Amino acid sequence: MAKILSLASKHGFMTSTMLLFSLLMAVLSTT
């Protein structure tokens, strides 16, 4: 988890947040 967070700050927080959000939505729609 910490690896993902450090990668997120390196790559850009907005992009990572968007990816996380889309992932969350996908999980919610499958459940």
C-alpha atoms as a PDB file:
ATOM      1  CA  MET A   1       0.000   0.000   0.000  1.00  0.00           C
ATOM      2  CA  ALA A   2       2.820   2.392   0.886  1.00  0.00           C
ATOM      3  CA  LYS A   3       4.459   1.618  -2.473  1.00  0.00           C
ATOM      4  CA  ILE A   4       1.307   2.671  -4.308  1.00  0.00           C
ATOM      5  CA  LEU A   5       1.091   5.883  -2.283  1.00  0.00           C
ATOM      6  CA  SER A   6       4.697   6.860  -2.996  1.00  0.00           C
ATOM      7  CA  LEU A   7       4.159   6.045  -6.667  1.00  0.00           C
ATOM      8  CA  ALA A   8       1.039   8.187  -6.644  1.00  0.00           C
ATOM      9  CA  SER A   9       2.828  11.249  -5.291  1.00  0.00           C
ATOM     10  CA  LYS A  10       5.593  10.705  -7.834  1.00  0.00           C
ATOM     11  CA  HIS A  11       3.331  10.267 -10.849  1.00  0.00           C
ATOM     12  CA  GLY A  12       0.727  12.832  -9.879  1.00  0.00           C
ATOM     13  CA  PHE A  13      -1.946  12.712  -7.197  1.00  0.00           C
ATOM     14  CA  MET A  14      -4.829  13.584  -9.501  1.00  0.00           C
ATOM     15  CA  THR A  15      -4.132  10.710 -11.892  1.00  0.00           C
ATOM     16  CA  SER A  16      -3.855   8.205  -9.057  1.00  0.00           C
ATOM     17  CA  THR A  17      -7.064   9.454  -7.455  1.00  0.00           C
ATOM     18  CA  MET A  18      -8.890   9.045 -10.756  1.00  0.00           C
ATOM     19  CA  LEU A  19      -7.558   5.509 -11.117  1.00  0.00           C
ATOM     20  CA  LEU A  20      -8.528   4.628  -7.548  1.00  0.00           C
ATOM     21  CA  PHE A  21     -11.994   6.083  -8.053  1.00  0.00           C
ATOM     22  CA  SER A  22     -12.598   4.113 -11.252  1.00  0.00           C
ATOM     23  CA  LEU A  23     -11.369   0.982  -9.494  1.00  0.00           C
ATOM     24  CA  LEU A  24     -13.776   1.601  -6.617  1.00  0.00           C
ATOM     25  CA  MET A  25     -16.657   2.122  -9.025  1.00  0.00           C
ATOM     26  CA  ALA A  26     -15.814  -1.118 -10.828  1.00  0.00           C
ATOM     27  CA  VAL A  27     -15.796  -3.030  -7.539  1.00  0.00           C
ATOM     28  CA  LEU A  28     -19.097  -1.465  -6.518  1.00  0.00           C
ATOM     29  CA  SER A  29     -20.768  -2.328  -9.821  1.00  0.00           C
ATOM     30  CA  THR A  30     -19.565  -5.943  -9.671  1.00  0.00           C
ATOM     31  CA  THR A  31     -20.765  -6.454  -6.104  1.00  0.00           C
END
